[in-house]
Amino acid sequence: MPKTPADTAQAAPKSIAKGLLLAALGAVAFSGKAIIVKLAYRHGVDAVTLIMYRMLFALPFFLGLAWWASRAQGGVKVVPLTRRDVLGIVWLGVTGYYLASFLDFAGLQYISASLERLVLYLNPTLVLLLGWVLYRRRIGRRQAIGMAISYCGVLLVFGHEVTLQGSDVALGALLVFLSAVSYAVYLSYSGEMVQRLGSMRLVGLATSVACVLCIVQFVIFRSLDVALAVAPQVIWLSLLNATLCTVVPVMMVMMAIERIGSGLAAQVGMVGPMSTILMGALVLGEPFTVWVVAGTVSVLVGVFVVSRAATQR
């Protein structure tokens, strides 16, 4: 039986509500990654081994996603991969997922999950700066003000954490900041390929490249004995990280974007840093202070201003 206009009108709010829920759950699941990594570090594992296990468990899912998105559907032929496409996928896999993930894992050895999430949330401002550096795109006054607010918030939490944990915080923050820069490079260069290949196909292929690179990195720098010597808790935490905090949120955010658009999905994603702070305090026992709250609010406000100004422009 065909749908009536009334049915369509009733379905629209339901689709929007579902999109908002998916975006929020995806942001919270993404945020859980830092919590799981910090828990795994308590069992004496290093960053190279930990990220290898995460990517090893995630690889079958991303290969399946790449295969599914590469099928002809509804009679529409899939664009064949050219040599340029393959090189682009490798480049995006290296910058967007391999380097960004490894630097993030390495940085989490030295800083709290809360500070890590705030630094990563500066990503929209970094994309804006890369656009100015690479393409000479002008940064508006409101965008500059939003950026200043965000970075002041990060500096506030950073300064508070340095007084508690010492100079290693600077190294950790730098590594996570470089992770955010690497992912911003990925976002800056992925636009054209997303339009050509589709978001799901590109994500599946690029993340598969990153998974293989992380496994190869382990083979080069570590021995099999190291992998076998990890505590059983590390294996289970890595499996949880690969599924609940990697594959599942990628799918949730993609489905949310289909329903409510990337702009609104990004705004809903602001629950991510707040959920990280709450989980950090409840699960890891990290300090929940007025400085952390003030810095987080500052970052969220600044990113909102930057995103809103960019959308209006």
Protein backbone atom coordinates (compact mmCIF):
# COMPACT_ATOMS: atom_id res chain seq x y z
CA MET A 1 0.00 0.00 0.00
CA PRO A 2 1.57 3.36 -1.02
CA LYS A 3 2.43 5.92 1.65
CA THR A 4 0.13 8.92 2.00
CA PRO A 5 1.42 12.51 2.63
CA ALA A 6 0.26 12.12 6.25
CA ASP A 7 2.39 8.99 6.66
CA THR A 8 5.40 10.83 5.26
CA ALA A 9 4.81 13.80 7.58
CA GLN A 10 4.66 11.49 10.60
CA ALA A 11 7.79 9.61 9.51
CA ALA A 12 9.92 12.76 9.22
CA PRO A 13 10.03 13.64 12.97
CA LYS A 14 10.68 9.99 13.80
CA SER A 15 13.60 9.93 11.36
CA ILE A 16 15.02 13.15 12.86
CA ALA A 17 14.64 11.81 16.41
CA LYS A 18 16.35 8.57 15.40
CA GLY A 19 19.15 10.55 13.74
CA LEU A 20 19.69 12.66 16.86
CA LEU A 21 19.78 9.53 19.03
CA LEU A 22 22.26 7.80 16.69
CA ALA A 23 24.51 10.87 16.63
CA ALA A 24 24.50 11.14 20.43
CA LEU A 25 25.15 7.42 20.98
CA GLY A 26 27.91 7.48 18.35
CA ALA A 27 29.62 10.41 20.07
CA VAL A 28 29.44 8.70 23.46
CA ALA A 29 30.77 5.44 22.00
CA PHE A 30 33.66 7.27 20.34
CA SER A 31 34.46 8.93 23.65
CA GLY A 32 34.67 5.56 25.38
CA LYS A 33 37.80 4.75 23.37
CA ALA A 34 40.01 6.88 25.59
CA ILE A 35 38.57 5.27 28.73
CA ILE A 36 39.25 1.76 27.44
CA VAL A 37 42.79 2.68 26.37
CA LYS A 38 43.55 4.13 29.81
CA LEU A 39 42.21 0.96 31.45
CA ALA A 40 44.39 -1.21 29.20
CA TYR A 41 47.52 0.78 30.07
CA ARG A 42 47.05 -0.26 33.69
CA HIS A 43 48.03 -3.79 32.62
CA GLY A 44 51.50 -2.79 31.38
CA VAL A 45 50.85 -2.88 27.62
CA ASP A 46 52.56 -0.41 25.25
CA ALA A 47 50.96 1.73 22.53
CA VAL A 48 52.30 -0.31 19.58
CA THR A 49 50.87 -3.56 20.94
CA LEU A 50 47.60 -2.03 22.09
CA ILE A 51 46.77 -0.39 18.78
CA MET A 52 47.76 -3.56 16.93
CA TYR A 53 45.13 -5.54 18.84
CA ARG A 54 42.50 -2.88 18.29
CA MET A 55 43.11 -2.79 14.54
CA LEU A 56 43.45 -6.57 14.27
CA PHE A 57 39.96 -7.02 15.71
CA ALA A 58 38.52 -4.12 13.68
CA LEU A 59 40.01 -5.20 10.31
CA PRO A 60 37.40 -7.88 9.42
CA PHE A 61 34.58 -5.40 10.05
CA PHE A 62 36.12 -2.68 7.89
CA LEU A 63 36.93 -5.13 5.11
CA GLY A 64 33.29 -6.22 5.22
CA LEU A 65 32.17 -2.57 5.11
CA ALA A 66 34.43 -1.89 2.10
CA TRP A 67 33.08 -4.97 0.31
CA TRP A 68 29.45 -4.11 1.06
CA ALA A 69 29.83 -0.49 -0.07
CA SER A 70 31.64 -1.58 -3.26
CA ARG A 71 28.71 -3.69 -4.54
CA ALA A 72 26.40 -2.50 -7.29
CA GLN A 73 23.09 -1.65 -5.63
CA GLY A 74 19.75 -0.84 -7.23
CA GLY A 75 21.20 -1.21 -10.70
CA VAL A 76 23.69 1.62 -10.05
CA LYS A 77 27.22 0.71 -11.10
CA VAL A 78 30.05 1.31 -8.66
CA VAL A 79 32.83 3.63 -9.76
CA PRO A 80 35.93 1.49 -10.47
CA LEU A 81 39.09 2.37 -8.55
CA THR A 82 41.77 4.12 -10.55
CA ARG A 83 45.47 4.26 -9.70
CA ARG A 84 44.91 7.77 -8.36
CA ASP A 85 42.05 6.49 -6.18
CA VAL A 86 44.27 3.76 -4.71
CA LEU A 87 47.03 6.25 -3.91
CA GLY A 88 44.48 8.60 -2.37
CA ILE A 89 42.99 5.83 -0.23
CA VAL A 90 46.45 4.88 1.04
CA TRP A 91 47.25 8.53 1.81
CA LEU A 92 43.97 9.01 3.68
CA GLY A 93 44.44 5.72 5.51
CA VAL A 94 47.88 6.84 6.69
CA THR A 95 46.87 10.35 7.78
CA GLY A 96 43.27 9.91 8.88
CA TYR A 97 43.43 6.62 10.71
CA TYR A 98 46.93 5.18 11.11
CA LEU A 99 48.89 8.25 12.27
CA ALA A 100 45.93 9.83 14.00
CA SER A 101 45.18 6.64 15.95
CA PHE A 102 48.77 5.80 16.87
CA LEU A 103 49.62 9.33 18.04
CA ASP A 104 46.40 9.42 20.05
CA PHE A 105 47.16 6.10 21.76
CA ALA A 106 50.73 7.20 22.48
CA GLY A 107 49.56 10.50 23.97
CA LEU A 108 47.04 8.81 26.27
CA GLN A 109 49.96 7.29 28.16
CA TYR A 110 50.70 10.74 29.60
CA ILE A 111 47.45 12.71 29.85
CA SER A 112 43.93 12.22 31.15
CA ALA A 113 41.09 11.03 28.94
CA SER A 114 39.36 14.38 29.50
CA LEU A 115 42.25 16.46 28.15
CA GLU A 116 42.70 14.04 25.24
CA ARG A 117 39.08 14.46 24.17
CA LEU A 118 39.25 18.25 24.41
CA VAL A 119 42.40 18.41 22.27
CA LEU A 120 40.83 16.14 19.64
CA TYR A 121 37.69 18.26 19.68
CA LEU A 122 39.74 21.17 18.34
CA ASN A 123 39.56 19.41 14.96
CA PRO A 124 37.15 21.89 13.28
CA THR A 125 39.50 24.76 14.14
CA LEU A 126 42.45 22.83 12.68
CA VAL A 127 40.54 22.18 9.46
CA LEU A 128 39.89 25.91 9.31
CA LEU A 129 43.59 26.70 9.80
CA LEU A 130 44.61 24.16 7.15
CA GLY A 131 42.16 25.75 4.74
CA TRP A 132 43.85 29.10 5.35
CA VAL A 133 47.37 27.65 4.96
CA LEU A 134 46.70 25.37 1.98
CA TYR A 135 43.96 27.18 0.06
CA ARG A 136 44.20 30.74 1.38
CA ARG A 137 40.62 30.62 2.63
CA ARG A 138 39.91 33.67 4.73
CA ILE A 139 39.09 33.15 8.41
CA GLY A 140 36.22 35.35 9.53
CA ARG A 141 36.25 37.43 12.69
CA ARG A 142 33.69 35.26 14.48
CA GLN A 143 35.59 32.14 13.49
CA ALA A 144 38.80 33.61 14.90
CA ILE A 145 37.01 34.50 18.15
CA GLY A 146 35.61 30.95 18.40
CA MET A 147 39.07 29.49 17.85
CA ALA A 148 40.54 31.70 20.56
CA ILE A 149 37.83 30.61 23.02
CA SER A 150 38.47 26.92 22.24
CA TYR A 151 42.23 27.11 22.65
CA CYS A 152 41.90 29.06 25.88
CA GLY A 153 39.73 26.23 27.21
CA VAL A 154 42.31 23.60 26.32
CA LEU A 155 45.09 25.69 27.87
CA LEU A 156 43.03 26.01 31.04
CA VAL A 157 42.68 22.23 31.44
CA PHE A 158 46.28 21.67 30.29
CA GLY A 159 47.66 24.09 32.89
CA HIS A 160 45.61 22.46 35.63
CA GLU A 161 46.80 18.98 34.62
CA VAL A 162 50.46 20.02 34.47
CA THR A 163 50.30 21.10 38.10
CA LEU A 164 48.92 17.68 39.05
CA GLN A 165 50.94 15.27 36.87
CA GLY A 166 54.10 17.11 35.82
CA SER A 167 55.96 17.78 32.57
CA ASP A 168 54.95 14.50 30.83
CA VAL A 169 51.57 16.13 30.25
CA ALA A 170 53.20 18.42 27.67
CA LEU A 171 54.47 15.43 25.66
CA GLY A 172 51.09 13.70 25.83
CA ALA A 173 49.20 16.83 24.80
CA LEU A 174 51.61 17.38 21.89
CA LEU A 175 51.14 13.81 20.63
CA VAL A 176 47.34 14.07 20.80
CA PHE A 177 47.46 17.50 19.14
CA LEU A 178 49.51 16.02 16.28
CA SER A 179 46.88 13.27 16.08
CA ALA A 180 44.21 15.94 15.65
CA VAL A 181 46.32 17.67 12.97
CA SER A 182 46.73 14.36 11.12
CA TYR A 183 42.98 13.80 11.12
CA ALA A 184 42.38 17.39 10.02
CA VAL A 185 44.66 16.72 7.02
CA TYR A 186 42.50 13.69 6.23
CA LEU A 187 39.32 15.78 6.38
CA SER A 188 40.85 18.52 4.23
CA TYR A 189 41.79 16.12 1.43
CA SER A 190 38.92 13.61 1.63
CA GLY A 191 36.11 15.80 0.27
CA GLU A 192 36.68 15.07 -3.42
CA MET A 193 37.13 11.32 -2.85
CA VAL A 194 33.99 11.12 -0.71
CA GLN A 195 31.98 12.55 -3.61
CA ARG A 196 33.56 10.10 -6.05
CA LEU A 197 33.58 6.87 -4.02
CA GLY A 198 30.97 7.50 -1.30
CA SER A 199 31.58 7.90 2.42
CA MET A 200 31.01 4.28 3.47
CA ARG A 201 33.25 2.86 0.76
CA LEU A 202 36.02 5.35 1.46
CA VAL A 203 35.88 4.79 5.22
CA GLY A 204 35.96 1.02 4.78
CA LEU A 205 38.94 1.10 2.43
CA ALA A 206 40.96 3.77 4.27
CA THR A 207 40.46 2.20 7.69
CA SER A 208 41.44 -1.21 6.29
CA VAL A 209 44.72 0.34 5.10
CA ALA A 210 45.28 1.79 8.57
CA CYS A 211 44.57 -1.57 10.22
CA VAL A 212 47.15 -3.31 8.03
CA LEU A 213 49.72 -0.59 8.76
CA CYS A 214 49.25 -0.93 12.52
CA ILE A 215 49.70 -4.70 12.28
CA VAL A 216 52.82 -4.32 10.09
CA GLN A 217 54.17 -1.76 12.56
CA PHE A 218 53.87 -4.30 15.35
CA VAL A 219 55.57 -7.02 13.29
CA ILE A 220 58.52 -4.68 12.61
CA PHE A 221 59.01 -3.28 16.12
CA ARG A 222 57.75 -6.05 18.40
CA SER A 223 57.93 -9.85 18.59
CA LEU A 224 55.14 -12.40 18.80
CA ASP A 225 56.19 -13.06 22.40
CA VAL A 226 55.12 -9.52 23.31
CA ALA A 227 51.65 -10.08 21.87
CA LEU A 228 51.24 -13.38 23.69
CA ALA A 229 52.47 -11.94 27.00
CA VAL A 230 49.73 -9.32 27.40
CA ALA A 231 47.18 -9.74 30.15
CA PRO A 232 43.82 -11.30 29.17
CA GLN A 233 42.13 -8.04 30.16
CA VAL A 234 44.01 -6.26 27.35
CA ILE A 235 42.57 -8.67 24.79
CA TRP A 236 39.00 -8.15 25.95
CA LEU A 237 39.42 -4.39 26.24
CA SER A 238 40.89 -4.26 22.72
CA LEU A 239 37.98 -6.28 21.36
CA LEU A 240 35.56 -3.90 23.06
CA ASN A 241 37.51 -0.93 21.69
CA ALA A 242 37.49 -2.31 18.15
CA THR A 243 33.76 -2.99 18.12
CA LEU A 244 31.86 -0.74 20.51
CA CYS A 245 34.21 2.28 20.27
CA THR A 246 35.39 2.02 16.65
CA VAL A 247 33.16 0.13 14.22
CA VAL A 248 29.79 0.73 15.90
CA PRO A 249 30.14 4.55 16.27
CA VAL A 250 31.37 4.88 12.67
CA MET A 251 28.16 3.20 11.50
CA MET A 252 25.99 5.19 13.92
CA VAL A 253 27.39 8.55 12.83
CA MET A 254 27.05 7.64 9.14
CA MET A 255 23.38 6.66 9.67
CA ALA A 256 22.81 9.83 11.69
CA ILE A 257 24.24 12.02 8.91
CA GLU A 258 21.86 10.37 6.43
CA ARG A 259 18.91 11.42 8.59
CA ILE A 260 19.85 14.84 10.00
CA GLY A 261 22.85 16.04 7.97
CA SER A 262 26.50 16.47 8.93
CA GLY A 263 26.06 19.92 10.53
CA LEU A 264 23.46 18.86 13.08
CA ALA A 265 25.25 15.56 13.68
CA ALA A 266 28.43 17.47 14.51
CA GLN A 267 26.55 19.69 16.98
CA VAL A 268 25.03 16.68 18.71
CA GLY A 269 28.55 15.23 18.86
CA MET A 270 29.36 17.88 21.45
CA VAL A 271 28.09 15.44 24.08
CA GLY A 272 31.31 13.48 23.44
CA PRO A 273 33.70 15.56 25.56
CA MET A 274 31.21 15.79 28.41
CA SER A 275 30.67 12.03 28.40
CA THR A 276 34.44 11.47 28.42
CA ILE A 277 34.83 13.68 31.49
CA LEU A 278 32.02 11.88 33.32
CA MET A 279 33.34 8.41 32.40
CA GLY A 280 36.87 9.50 33.30
CA ALA A 281 35.74 10.56 36.75
CA LEU A 282 33.50 7.52 37.38
CA VAL A 283 35.60 4.76 35.77
CA LEU A 284 39.18 6.03 35.98
CA GLY A 285 38.93 8.22 39.06
CA GLU A 286 40.20 11.27 37.16
CA PRO A 287 39.72 14.65 38.88
CA PHE A 288 36.40 16.36 38.19
CA THR A 289 37.15 19.97 39.03
CA VAL A 290 35.79 23.38 38.19
CA TRP A 291 38.86 23.92 35.96
CA VAL A 292 38.01 20.87 33.86
CA VAL A 293 34.36 21.88 33.57
CA ALA A 294 35.23 25.49 32.69
CA GLY A 295 37.78 24.39 30.07
CA THR A 296 35.34 21.92 28.52
CA VAL A 297 32.55 24.49 28.29
CA SER A 298 35.00 26.94 26.72
CA VAL A 299 36.08 24.43 24.07
CA LEU A 300 32.50 23.46 23.25
CA VAL A 301 31.38 27.09 22.96
CA GLY A 302 34.36 27.96 20.78
CA VAL A 303 33.85 25.00 18.42
CA PHE A 304 30.13 25.81 18.21
CA VAL A 305 30.92 29.40 17.24
CA VAL A 306 33.44 28.25 14.61
CA SER A 307 31.04 25.67 13.14
CA ARG A 308 28.08 28.04 13.15
CA ALA A 309 30.08 30.83 11.49
CA ALA A 310 31.40 28.43 8.83
CA THR A 311 27.87 27.19 8.07
CA GLN A 312 26.50 30.71 7.72
CA ARG A 313 29.34 31.68 5.41
